[in-house]
C-alpha atoms as a PDB file:
ATOM      1  CA  UNK A   1      57.063  64.001 -16.371  1.00  0.00           C
ATOM      2  CA  UNK A   2      57.006  67.753 -16.236  1.00  0.00           C
ATOM      3  CA  UNK A   3      60.122  69.688 -15.377  1.00  0.00           C
ATOM      4  CA  UNK A   4      58.691  70.707 -12.005  1.00  0.00           C
ATOM      5  CA  UNK A   5      59.862  68.784  -8.925  1.00  0.00           C
ATOM      6  CA  UNK A   6      57.261  66.369  -7.616  1.00  0.00           C
ATOM      7  CA  UNK A   7      56.403  65.887  -3.969  1.00  0.00           C
ATOM      8  CA  UNK A   8      55.306  62.295  -3.455  1.00  0.00           C
ATOM      9  CA  UNK A   9      53.925  60.784  -0.280  1.00  0.00           C
ATOM     10  CA  UNK A  10      55.090  57.231  -0.915  1.00  0.00           C
ATOM     11  CA  UNK A  11      53.241  55.604   1.969  1.00  0.00           C
ATOM     12  CA  UNK A  12      49.771  56.165   3.348  1.00  0.00           C
ATOM     13  CA  UNK A  13      46.594  54.232   4.044  1.00  0.00           C
ATOM     14  CA  UNK A  14      42.833  54.633   3.676  1.00  0.00           C
ATOM     15  CA  UNK A  15      40.082  52.554   5.234  1.00  0.00           C
ATOM     16  CA  UNK A  16      36.332  52.531   5.626  1.00  0.00           C
ATOM     17  CA  UNK A  17      35.086  50.810   8.772  1.00  0.00           C
ATOM     18  CA  UNK A  18      31.627  50.470   7.237  1.00  0.00           C
ATOM     19  CA  UNK A  19      33.170  48.181   4.603  1.00  0.00           C
ATOM     20  CA  UNK A  20      35.386  46.086   6.887  1.00  0.00           C
ATOM     21  CA  UNK A  21      37.017  46.153  10.265  1.00  0.00           C
ATOM     22  CA  UNK A  22      40.681  46.918  10.746  1.00  0.00           C
ATOM     23  CA  UNK A  23      41.313  44.241  13.331  1.00  0.00           C
ATOM     24  CA  UNK A  24      44.800  45.520  14.144  1.00  0.00           C
ATOM     25  CA  UNK A  25      43.339  48.704  15.657  1.00  0.00           C
ATOM     26  CA  UNK A  26      42.961  47.536  19.246  1.00  0.00           C
ATOM     27  CA  UNK A  27      43.425  49.088  22.663  1.00  0.00           C
ATOM     28  CA  UNK A  28      43.145  52.621  23.989  1.00  0.00           C
ATOM     29  CA  UNK A  29      46.401  53.834  22.445  1.00  0.00           C
ATOM     30  CA  UNK A  30      45.149  53.192  18.898  1.00  0.00           C
ATOM     31  CA  UNK A  31      41.611  54.418  19.558  1.00  0.00           C
ATOM     32  CA  UNK A  32      42.134  57.655  17.523  1.00  0.00           C
ATOM     33  CA  UNK A  33      42.503  55.470  14.414  1.00  0.00           C
ATOM     34  CA  UNK A  34      39.183  53.689  14.933  1.00  0.00           C
ATOM     35  CA  UNK A  35      37.277  55.702  12.370  1.00  0.00           C
ATOM     36  CA  UNK A  36      37.009  55.901   8.593  1.00  0.00           C
ATOM     37  CA  UNK A  37      39.746  57.718   6.687  1.00  0.00           C
ATOM     38  CA  UNK A  38      38.816  58.632   3.115  1.00  0.00           C
ATOM     39  CA  UNK A  39      40.598  60.107   0.134  1.00  0.00           C
ATOM     40  CA  UNK A  40      38.766  63.368   0.849  1.00  0.00           C
ATOM     41  CA  UNK A  41      40.307  63.415   4.331  1.00  0.00           C
ATOM     42  CA  UNK A  42      43.716  62.795   2.794  1.00  0.00           C
ATOM     43  CA  UNK A  43      43.297  65.581   0.242  1.00  0.00           C
ATOM     44  CA  UNK A  44      42.619  68.073   3.007  1.00  0.00           C
ATOM     45  CA  UNK A  45      46.118  67.276   4.268  1.00  0.00           C
ATOM     46  CA  UNK A  46      48.001  66.935   0.984  1.00  0.00           C
ATOM     47  CA  UNK A  47      46.631  70.111  -0.571  1.00  0.00           C
ATOM     48  CA  UNK A  48      47.869  72.135   2.380  1.00  0.00           C
ATOM     49  CA  UNK A  49      51.293  70.484   2.078  1.00  0.00           C
ATOM     50  CA  UNK A  50      51.769  70.692  -1.688  1.00  0.00           C
ATOM     51  CA  UNK A  51      51.882  66.935  -2.260  1.00  0.00           C
ATOM     52  CA  UNK A  52      51.770  66.019  -5.963  1.00  0.00           C
ATOM     53  CA  UNK A  53      50.978  62.319  -5.781  1.00  0.00           C
ATOM     54  CA  UNK A  54      50.680  59.474  -3.303  1.00  0.00           C
ATOM     55  CA  UNK A  55      51.087  55.725  -2.962  1.00  0.00           C
ATOM     56  CA  UNK A  56      48.232  53.927  -1.207  1.00  0.00           C
ATOM     57  CA  UNK A  57      49.401  50.905   0.808  1.00  0.00           C
ATOM     58  CA  UNK A  58      47.408  47.890   2.009  1.00  0.00           C
ATOM     59  CA  UNK A  59      46.509  47.402   5.656  1.00  0.00           C
ATOM     60  CA  UNK A  60      44.810  43.992   5.885  1.00  0.00           C
ATOM     61  CA  UNK A  61      45.386  40.585   4.334  1.00  0.00           C
ATOM     62  CA  UNK A  62      41.994  40.489   2.625  1.00  0.00           C
ATOM     63  CA  UNK A  63      41.775  39.887  -1.158  1.00  0.00           C
ATOM     64  CA  UNK A  64      38.960  42.418  -1.695  1.00  0.00           C
ATOM     65  CA  UNK A  65      40.977  45.352  -0.342  1.00  0.00           C
ATOM     66  CA  UNK A  66      43.356  45.619  -3.307  1.00  0.00           C
ATOM     67  CA  UNK A  67      40.644  45.904  -6.008  1.00  0.00           C
ATOM     68  CA  UNK A  68      39.011  48.601  -3.891  1.00  0.00           C
ATOM     69  CA  UNK A  69      42.280  50.523  -3.692  1.00  0.00           C
ATOM     70  CA  UNK A  70      42.807  50.186  -7.436  1.00  0.00           C
ATOM     71  CA  UNK A  71      39.358  51.702  -7.977  1.00  0.00           C
ATOM     72  CA  UNK A  72      40.341  54.637  -5.767  1.00  0.00           C
ATOM     73  CA  UNK A  73      43.506  55.207  -7.794  1.00  0.00           C
ATOM     74  CA  UNK A  74      41.628  54.920 -11.089  1.00  0.00           C
ATOM     75  CA  UNK A  75      39.242  57.704 -10.107  1.00  0.00           C
ATOM     76  CA  UNK A  76      41.738  59.845  -8.194  1.00  0.00           C
ATOM     77  CA  UNK A  77      43.815  62.838  -9.197  1.00  0.00           C
ATOM     78  CA  UNK A  78      46.050  62.243  -6.165  1.00  0.00           C
ATOM     79  CA  UNK A  79      46.620  58.501  -5.608  1.00  0.00           C
ATOM     80  CA  UNK A  80      49.037  57.451  -8.344  1.00  0.00           C
ATOM     81  CA  UNK A  81      50.079  54.003  -7.170  1.00  0.00           C
ATOM     82  CA  UNK A  82      48.803  51.104  -5.071  1.00  0.00           C
ATOM     83  CA  UNK A  83      50.794  48.616  -3.025  1.00  0.00           C
ATOM     84  CA  UNK A  84      48.281  45.833  -2.556  1.00  0.00           C
ATOM     85  CA  UNK A  85      48.114  42.345  -1.105  1.00  0.00           C
ATOM     86  CA  UNK A  86      47.751  38.888  -2.508  1.00  0.00           C
ATOM     87  CA  UNK A  87      48.577  35.532  -0.974  1.00  0.00           C
ATOM     88  CA  UNK A  88      52.183  34.913  -1.971  1.00  0.00           C
ATOM     89  CA  UNK A  89      51.942  31.307  -0.805  1.00  0.00           C
ATOM     90  CA  UNK A  90      49.012  30.406  -3.049  1.00  0.00           C
ATOM     91  CA  UNK A  91      49.779  28.039  -5.935  1.00  0.00           C
ATOM     92  CA  UNK A  92      47.926  30.374  -8.313  1.00  0.00           C
ATOM     93  CA  UNK A  93      49.693  33.570  -7.171  1.00  0.00           C
ATOM     94  CA  UNK A  94      50.780  34.389 -10.740  1.00  0.00           C
ATOM     95  CA  UNK A  95      47.183  34.182 -11.943  1.00  0.00           C
ATOM     96  CA  UNK A  96      46.013  36.326  -9.027  1.00  0.00           C
ATOM     97  CA  UNK A  97      48.547  39.024  -9.884  1.00  0.00           C
ATOM     98  CA  UNK A  98      47.567  38.923 -13.552  1.00  0.00           C
ATOM     99  CA  UNK A  99      43.910  39.304 -12.585  1.00  0.00           C
ATOM    100  CA  UNK A 100      44.681  42.353 -10.450  1.00  0.00           C
ATOM    101  CA  UNK A 101      46.608  43.953 -13.286  1.00  0.00           C
ATOM    102  CA  UNK A 102      43.741  43.260 -15.684  1.00  0.00           C
ATOM    103  CA  UNK A 103      41.128  44.939 -13.473  1.00  0.00           C
ATOM    104  CA  UNK A 104      39.964  48.514 -14.025  1.00  0.00           C
ATOM    105  CA  UNK A 105      42.701  50.589 -12.412  1.00  0.00           C
ATOM    106  CA  UNK A 106      45.099  47.650 -12.553  1.00  0.00           C
ATOM    107  CA  UNK A 107      47.787  49.796 -14.163  1.00  0.00           C
ATOM    108  CA  UNK A 108      48.104  51.540 -10.783  1.00  0.00           C
ATOM    109  CA  UNK A 109      49.274  48.343  -9.056  1.00  0.00           C
ATOM    110  CA  UNK A 110      52.927  49.163  -8.332  1.00  0.00           C
ATOM    111  CA  UNK A 111      53.713  46.715  -5.550  1.00  0.00           C
ATOM    112  CA  UNK A 112      52.656  43.930  -3.205  1.00  0.00           C
ATOM    113  CA  UNK A 113      53.001  43.788   0.575  1.00  0.00           C
ATOM    114  CA  UNK A 114      52.330  41.281   3.354  1.00  0.00           C
ATOM    115  CA  UNK A 115      52.391  41.845   7.122  1.00  0.00           C
ATOM    116  CA  UNK A 116      55.620  39.917   7.575  1.00  0.00           C
ATOM    117  CA  UNK A 117      56.086  41.708  10.912  1.00  0.00           C
ATOM    118  CA  UNK A 118      53.244  39.557  12.285  1.00  0.00           C
ATOM    119  CA  UNK A 119      54.676  36.244  11.113  1.00  0.00           C
ATOM    120  CA  UNK A 120      56.118  34.231  14.025  1.00  0.00           C
ATOM    121  CA  UNK A 121      58.752  32.626  11.777  1.00  0.00           C
ATOM    122  CA  UNK A 122      61.667  35.093  11.416  1.00  0.00           C
ATOM    123  CA  UNK A 123      62.607  33.312   8.182  1.00  0.00           C
ATOM    124  CA  UNK A 124      59.123  33.494   6.654  1.00  0.00           C
ATOM    125  CA  UNK A 125      60.495  35.308   3.603  1.00  0.00           C
ATOM    126  CA  UNK A 126      62.781  32.351   2.885  1.00  0.00           C
ATOM    127  CA  UNK A 127      60.086  29.690   2.743  1.00  0.00           C
ATOM    128  CA  UNK A 128      59.942  27.978  -0.690  1.00  0.00           C
ATOM    129  CA  UNK A 129      56.289  28.912  -1.248  1.00  0.00           C
ATOM    130  CA  UNK A 130      56.966  32.557  -0.364  1.00  0.00           C
ATOM    131  CA  UNK A 131      59.983  32.685  -2.683  1.00  0.00           C
ATOM    132  CA  UNK A 132      57.818  31.345  -5.485  1.00  0.00           C
ATOM    133  CA  UNK A 133      55.362  34.145  -4.796  1.00  0.00           C
ATOM    134  CA  UNK A 134      58.111  36.755  -4.749  1.00  0.00           C
ATOM    135  CA  UNK A 135      59.354  35.522  -8.123  1.00  0.00           C
ATOM    136  CA  UNK A 136      55.827  35.943  -9.465  1.00  0.00           C
ATOM    137  CA  UNK A 137      55.843  39.554  -8.248  1.00  0.00           C
ATOM    138  CA  UNK A 138      59.153  40.105 -10.057  1.00  0.00           C
ATOM    139  CA  UNK A 139      57.734  38.567 -13.234  1.00  0.00           C
ATOM    140  CA  UNK A 140      54.918  41.136 -13.239  1.00  0.00           C
ATOM    141  CA  UNK A 141      57.484  43.930 -13.040  1.00  0.00           C
ATOM    142  CA  UNK A 142      56.294  45.481  -9.778  1.00  0.00           C
ATOM    143  CA  UNK A 143      58.051  45.841  -6.419  1.00  0.00           C
ATOM    144  CA  UNK A 144      57.745  44.128  -3.064  1.00  0.00           C
ATOM    145  CA  UNK A 145      57.238  46.311   0.014  1.00  0.00           C
ATOM    146  CA  UNK A 146      58.649  44.908   3.248  1.00  0.00           C
ATOM    147  CA  UNK A 147      56.947  45.669   6.551  1.00  0.00           C
ATOM    148  CA  UNK A 148      59.235  43.917   9.004  1.00  0.00           C
ATOM    149  CA  UNK A 149      60.871  44.291  12.394  1.00  0.00           C
ATOM    150  CA  UNK A 150      64.636  44.572  13.009  1.00  0.00           C
ATOM    151  CA  UNK A 151      65.061  40.874  13.822  1.00  0.00           C
ATOM    152  CA  UNK A 152      63.625  39.997  10.389  1.00  0.00           C
ATOM    153  CA  UNK A 153      66.171  42.076   8.459  1.00  0.00           C
ATOM    154  CA  UNK A 154      68.623  39.161   7.977  1.00  0.00           C
ATOM    155  CA  UNK A 155      65.978  37.067   6.207  1.00  0.00           C
ATOM    156  CA  UNK A 156      64.980  40.084   4.097  1.00  0.00           C
ATOM    157  CA  UNK A 157      68.619  40.569   3.131  1.00  0.00           C
ATOM    158  CA  UNK A 158      68.938  36.940   2.087  1.00  0.00           C
ATOM    159  CA  UNK A 159      65.729  37.127   0.062  1.00  0.00           C
ATOM    160  CA  UNK A 160      66.867  40.295  -1.715  1.00  0.00           C
ATOM    161  CA  UNK A 161      70.279  38.800  -2.449  1.00  0.00           C
ATOM    162  CA  UNK A 162      68.784  35.616  -3.873  1.00  0.00           C
ATOM    163  CA  UNK A 163      66.161  37.450  -5.946  1.00  0.00           C
ATOM    164  CA  UNK A 164      68.147  40.218  -7.652  1.00  0.00           C
ATOM    165  CA  UNK A 165      65.441  40.591 -10.296  1.00  0.00           C
ATOM    166  CA  UNK A 166      62.954  41.862  -7.674  1.00  0.00           C
ATOM    167  CA  UNK A 167      63.041  45.384  -6.214  1.00  0.00           C
ATOM    168  CA  UNK A 168      62.496  45.381  -2.442  1.00  0.00           C
ATOM    169  CA  UNK A 169      61.248  48.516  -0.668  1.00  0.00           C
ATOM    170  CA  UNK A 170      61.777  48.656   3.100  1.00  0.00           C
ATOM    171  CA  UNK A 171      58.900  50.345   4.927  1.00  0.00           C
ATOM    172  CA  UNK A 172      59.558  52.435   8.044  1.00  0.00           C
ATOM    173  CA  UNK A 173      63.242  51.488   8.192  1.00  0.00           C
ATOM    174  CA  UNK A 174      62.206  48.095   9.631  1.00  0.00           C
ATOM    175  CA  UNK A 175      60.816  49.939  12.678  1.00  0.00           C
ATOM    176  CA  UNK A 176      63.980  50.698  14.668  1.00  0.00           C
ATOM    177  CA  UNK A 177      63.765  51.074  18.479  1.00  0.00           C
ATOM    178  CA  UNK A 178      63.622  54.874  18.494  1.00  0.00           C
ATOM    179  CA  UNK A 179      61.982  55.087  21.905  1.00  0.00           C
ATOM    180  CA  UNK A 180      64.929  53.313  23.544  1.00  0.00           C
ATOM    181  CA  UNK A 181      67.586  55.241  21.630  1.00  0.00           C
ATOM    182  CA  UNK A 182      69.389  52.019  20.681  1.00  0.00           C
ATOM    183  CA  UNK A 183      70.951  51.792  17.211  1.00  0.00           C
ATOM    184  CA  UNK A 184      72.389  48.290  17.288  1.00  0.00           C
ATOM    185  CA  UNK A 185      71.914  45.664  16.048  1.00  0.00           C
ATOM    186  CA  UNK A 186      69.371  47.458  13.840  1.00  0.00           C
ATOM    187  CA  UNK A 187      71.911  49.716  12.100  1.00  0.00           C
ATOM    188  CA  UNK A 188      74.289  46.903  11.146  1.00  0.00           C
ATOM    189  CA  UNK A 189      71.459  44.759   9.827  1.00  0.00           C
ATOM    190  CA  UNK A 190      69.991  47.686   7.907  1.00  0.00           C
ATOM    191  CA  UNK A 191      73.320  48.463   6.238  1.00  0.00           C
ATOM    192  CA  UNK A 192      73.645  44.861   5.092  1.00  0.00           C
ATOM    193  CA  UNK A 193      70.203  45.058   3.483  1.00  0.00           C
ATOM    194  CA  UNK A 194      70.835  48.462   1.915  1.00  0.00           C
ATOM    195  CA  UNK A 195      74.150  47.298   0.455  1.00  0.00           C
ATOM    196  CA  UNK A 196      72.201  45.305  -2.140  1.00  0.00           C
ATOM    197  CA  UNK A 197      71.460  47.253  -5.338  1.00  0.00           C
ATOM    198  CA  UNK A 198      67.858  46.037  -5.619  1.00  0.00           C
ATOM    199  CA  UNK A 199      66.820  47.588  -2.293  1.00  0.00           C
ATOM    200  CA  UNK A 200      65.215  50.933  -1.500  1.00  0.00           C
ATOM    201  CA  UNK A 201      64.086  52.417   1.806  1.00  0.00           C
ATOM    202  CA  UNK A 202      61.368  54.683   3.120  1.00  0.00           C
ATOM    203  CA  UNK A 203      61.913  57.604   5.443  1.00  0.00           C
ATOM    204  CA  UNK A 204      58.647  56.921   7.196  1.00  0.00           C
ATOM    205  CA  UNK A 205      57.147  55.830  10.474  1.00  0.00           C
ATOM    206  CA  UNK A 206      60.062  56.861  12.681  1.00  0.00           C
ATOM    207  CA  UNK A 207      58.176  59.134  15.065  1.00  0.00           C
ATOM    208  CA  UNK A 208      55.567  56.480  15.783  1.00  0.00           C
ATOM    209  CA  UNK A 209      58.431  54.284  17.006  1.00  0.00           C
ATOM    210  CA  UNK A 210      59.392  57.094  19.422  1.00  0.00           C
ATOM    211  CA  UNK A 211      57.563  58.364  22.497  1.00  0.00           C
ATOM    212  CA  UNK A 212      54.399  59.724  20.870  1.00  0.00           C
ATOM    213  CA  UNK A 213      53.985  62.522  23.403  1.00  0.00           C
ATOM    214  CA  UNK A 214      57.504  63.911  23.707  1.00  0.00           C
ATOM    215  CA  UNK A 215      59.602  63.003  20.661  1.00  0.00           C
ATOM    216  CA  UNK A 216      61.819  65.575  18.987  1.00  0.00           C
ATOM    217  CA  UNK A 217      63.636  65.793  15.673  1.00  0.00           C
ATOM    218  CA  UNK A 218      66.821  65.128  17.612  1.00  0.00           C
ATOM    219  CA  UNK A 219      65.439  61.738  18.710  1.00  0.00           C
ATOM    220  CA  UNK A 220      64.826  60.722  15.099  1.00  0.00           C
ATOM    221  CA  UNK A 221      68.018  62.073  13.560  1.00  0.00           C
ATOM    222  CA  UNK A 222      70.365  59.114  14.290  1.00  0.00           C
ATOM    223  CA  UNK A 223      67.917  56.766  12.580  1.00  0.00           C
ATOM    224  CA  UNK A 224      67.240  59.071   9.635  1.00  0.00           C
ATOM    225  CA  UNK A 225      70.977  59.660   9.194  1.00  0.00           C
ATOM    226  CA  UNK A 226      71.589  55.904   9.211  1.00  0.00           C
ATOM    227  CA  UNK A 227      68.944  55.413   6.532  1.00  0.00           C
ATOM    228  CA  UNK A 228      70.411  58.213   4.416  1.00  0.00           C
ATOM    229  CA  UNK A 229      73.946  56.908   4.775  1.00  0.00           C
ATOM    230  CA  UNK A 230      72.924  53.321   4.028  1.00  0.00           C
ATOM    231  CA  UNK A 231      70.661  53.906   1.020  1.00  0.00           C
ATOM    232  CA  UNK A 232      71.711  57.323  -0.225  1.00  0.00           C
ATOM    233  CA  UNK A 233      69.139  59.922  -1.332  1.00  0.00           C
ATOM    234  CA  UNK A 234      68.454  58.213  -4.661  1.00  0.00           C
ATOM    235  CA  UNK A 235      67.325  55.026  -2.920  1.00  0.00           C
ATOM    236  CA  UNK A 236      65.353  56.625  -0.104  1.00  0.00           C
ATOM    237  CA  UNK A 237      61.806  57.995  -0.349  1.00  0.00           C
ATOM    238  CA  UNK A 238      59.550  59.960   1.975  1.00  0.00           C
ATOM    239  CA  UNK A 239      56.272  58.542   3.251  1.00  0.00           C
ATOM    240  CA  UNK A 240      53.881  60.001   5.809  1.00  0.00           C
ATOM    241  CA  UNK A 241      52.328  56.737   7.022  1.00  0.00           C
ATOM    242  CA  UNK A 242      49.093  58.727   7.389  1.00  0.00           C
ATOM    243  CA  UNK A 243      46.797  58.289   9.247  1.00  0.00           C
ATOM    244  CA  UNK A 244      48.947  56.142  11.561  1.00  0.00           C
ATOM    245  CA  UNK A 245      51.351  59.081  11.859  1.00  0.00           C
ATOM    246  CA  UNK A 246      48.625  61.115  13.571  1.00  0.00           C
ATOM    247  CA  UNK A 247      49.169  59.093  16.745  1.00  0.00           C
ATOM    248  CA  UNK A 248      52.350  61.118  17.184  1.00  0.00           C
ATOM    249  CA  UNK A 249      52.090  64.111  14.814  1.00  0.00           C
ATOM    250  CA  UNK A 250      49.860  65.798  12.272  1.00  0.00           C
ATOM    251  CA  UNK A 251      50.358  65.283   8.542  1.00  0.00           C
ATOM    252  CA  UNK A 252      51.941  68.705   8.255  1.00  0.00           C
ATOM    253  CA  UNK A 253      54.325  68.186  11.158  1.00  0.00           C
ATOM    254  CA  UNK A 254      55.326  64.792   9.779  1.00  0.00           C
ATOM    255  CA  UNK A 255      56.364  66.345   6.453  1.00  0.00           C
ATOM    256  CA  UNK A 256      58.017  69.315   8.173  1.00  0.00           C
ATOM    257  CA  UNK A 257      60.031  66.887  10.302  1.00  0.00           C
ATOM    258  CA  UNK A 258      61.217  65.038   7.197  1.00  0.00           C
ATOM    259  CA  UNK A 259      62.347  68.342   5.679  1.00  0.00           C
ATOM    260  CA  UNK A 260      64.342  69.119   8.838  1.00  0.00           C
ATOM    261  CA  UNK A 261      65.962  65.688   8.747  1.00  0.00           C
ATOM    262  CA  UNK A 262      66.925  66.289   5.096  1.00  0.00           C
ATOM    263  CA  UNK A 263      68.083  69.888   5.561  1.00  0.00           C
ATOM    264  CA  UNK A 264      71.800  69.097   5.108  1.00  0.00           C
ATOM    265  CA  UNK A 265      71.248  67.562   1.656  1.00  0.00           C
ATOM    266  CA  UNK A 266      71.667  69.388  -1.614  1.00  0.00           C
ATOM    267  CA  UNK A 267      68.527  70.530  -3.434  1.00  0.00           C
ATOM    268  CA  UNK A 268      68.935  67.656  -5.899  1.00  0.00           C
ATOM    269  CA  UNK A 269      69.296  65.072  -3.143  1.00  0.00           C
ATOM    270  CA  UNK A 270      66.354  66.436  -1.180  1.00  0.00           C
ATOM    271  CA  UNK A 271      64.205  66.444  -4.316  1.00  0.00           C
ATOM    272  CA  UNK A 272      65.043  62.768  -4.788  1.00  0.00           C
ATOM    273  CA  UNK A 273      63.935  61.749  -1.291  1.00  0.00           C
ATOM    274  CA  UNK A 274      60.794  63.880  -1.410  1.00  0.00           C
ATOM    275  CA  UNK A 275      59.596  62.653  -4.779  1.00  0.00           C
ATOM    276  CA  UNK A 276      62.072  61.488  -7.373  1.00  0.00           C
ATOM    277  CA  UNK A 277      62.968  58.155  -5.787  1.00  0.00           C
ATOM    278  CA  UNK A 278      59.321  57.179  -5.329  1.00  0.00           C
ATOM    279  CA  UNK A 279      58.403  58.241  -8.865  1.00  0.00           C
ATOM    280  CA  UNK A 280      61.229  56.123 -10.275  1.00  0.00           C
ATOM    281  CA  UNK A 281      60.875  53.080  -8.003  1.00  0.00           C
ATOM    282  CA  UNK A 282      57.117  52.813  -8.402  1.00  0.00           C
ATOM    283  CA  UNK A 283      57.158  54.035 -12.031  1.00  0.00           C
ATOM    284  CA  UNK A 284      54.734  56.850 -11.351  1.00  0.00           C
ATOM    285  CA  UNK A 285      56.108  59.253 -13.933  1.00  0.00           C
ATOM    286  CA  UNK A 286      53.549  58.629 -16.651  1.00  0.00           C
ATOM    287  CA  UNK A 287      50.605  58.935 -14.266  1.00  0.00           C
ATOM    288  CA  UNK A 288      51.952  62.126 -12.691  1.00  0.00           C
ATOM    289  CA  UNK A 289      52.666  63.691 -16.078  1.00  0.00           C
ATOM    290  CA  UNK A 290      49.251  62.774 -17.452  1.00  0.00           C
ATOM    291  CA  UNK A 291      47.501  64.306 -14.472  1.00  0.00           C
ATOM    292  CA  UNK A 292      49.676  67.420 -14.573  1.00  0.00           C
ATOM    293  CA  UNK A 293      48.682  67.970 -18.214  1.00  0.00           C
ATOM    294  CA  UNK A 294      44.968  67.434 -17.538  1.00  0.00           C
ATOM    295  CA  UNK A 295      42.926  70.603 -18.213  1.00  0.00           C
ATOM    296  CA  UNK A 296      41.509  72.299 -15.165  1.00  0.00           C
ATOM    297  CA  UNK A 297      37.706  72.469 -15.173  1.00  0.00           C
ATOM    298  CA  UNK A 298      36.245  75.663 -13.701  1.00  0.00           C
END
């Protein structure tokens, strides 16, 4: 990597409604998201914010989505990594992961994610077939992103403890109840998860757990401070959660809010949260350096 600090958006999405529906976008509240969001749309936001690289994260449990995202990363000068989906419970999960890595753009596959938050079983992560799938992810050398709710943190902690060879990345702080102002039992459960050395967290998605119309930085600070204290700056990374974040704030305001929440850190610590942790966790350094050295065509 170059000697310049990198600014990485470690969590965003893209979707094209002409390709497939996003069936989770329902109701009037989510209506602003019911349109196509492209890489061009994203670039309009990142260029204004000085973002160096991004990580594109899956949204639906459809096998075709991940190859499409890998193709985006292959052809992009912005998207450096992809957190995709594959069926962890499938007997051939190892073969499926190998096939994804072998595809054009497969080198950009940095993680796997499943909508665990939608699973009715709070111990879904501890099922034998899921554990087998998680071991297959570890064998490939990529990470596992967790999108869970606070009540699922104990199972996530057990899974991370029993699979020390796998790096777990917690999305959106496990979606704490920001709107209510309550910290417990979320904070205690989060600290137990973060105490494990193979865990990392994302400073992302907090304001969409608050009142979308009236939230302030002050509302988010107890949750951001808990994440910082639990993980430390070198195991915490910034993510916009764009375009979902736009329900409560623009891309620019989302990043500006993160900077305010990190204002008390040293320059080195802030640089870690805003780029270094993501680059290290997702192994983006080579891609970022290669793109930084690419000649500019005029």
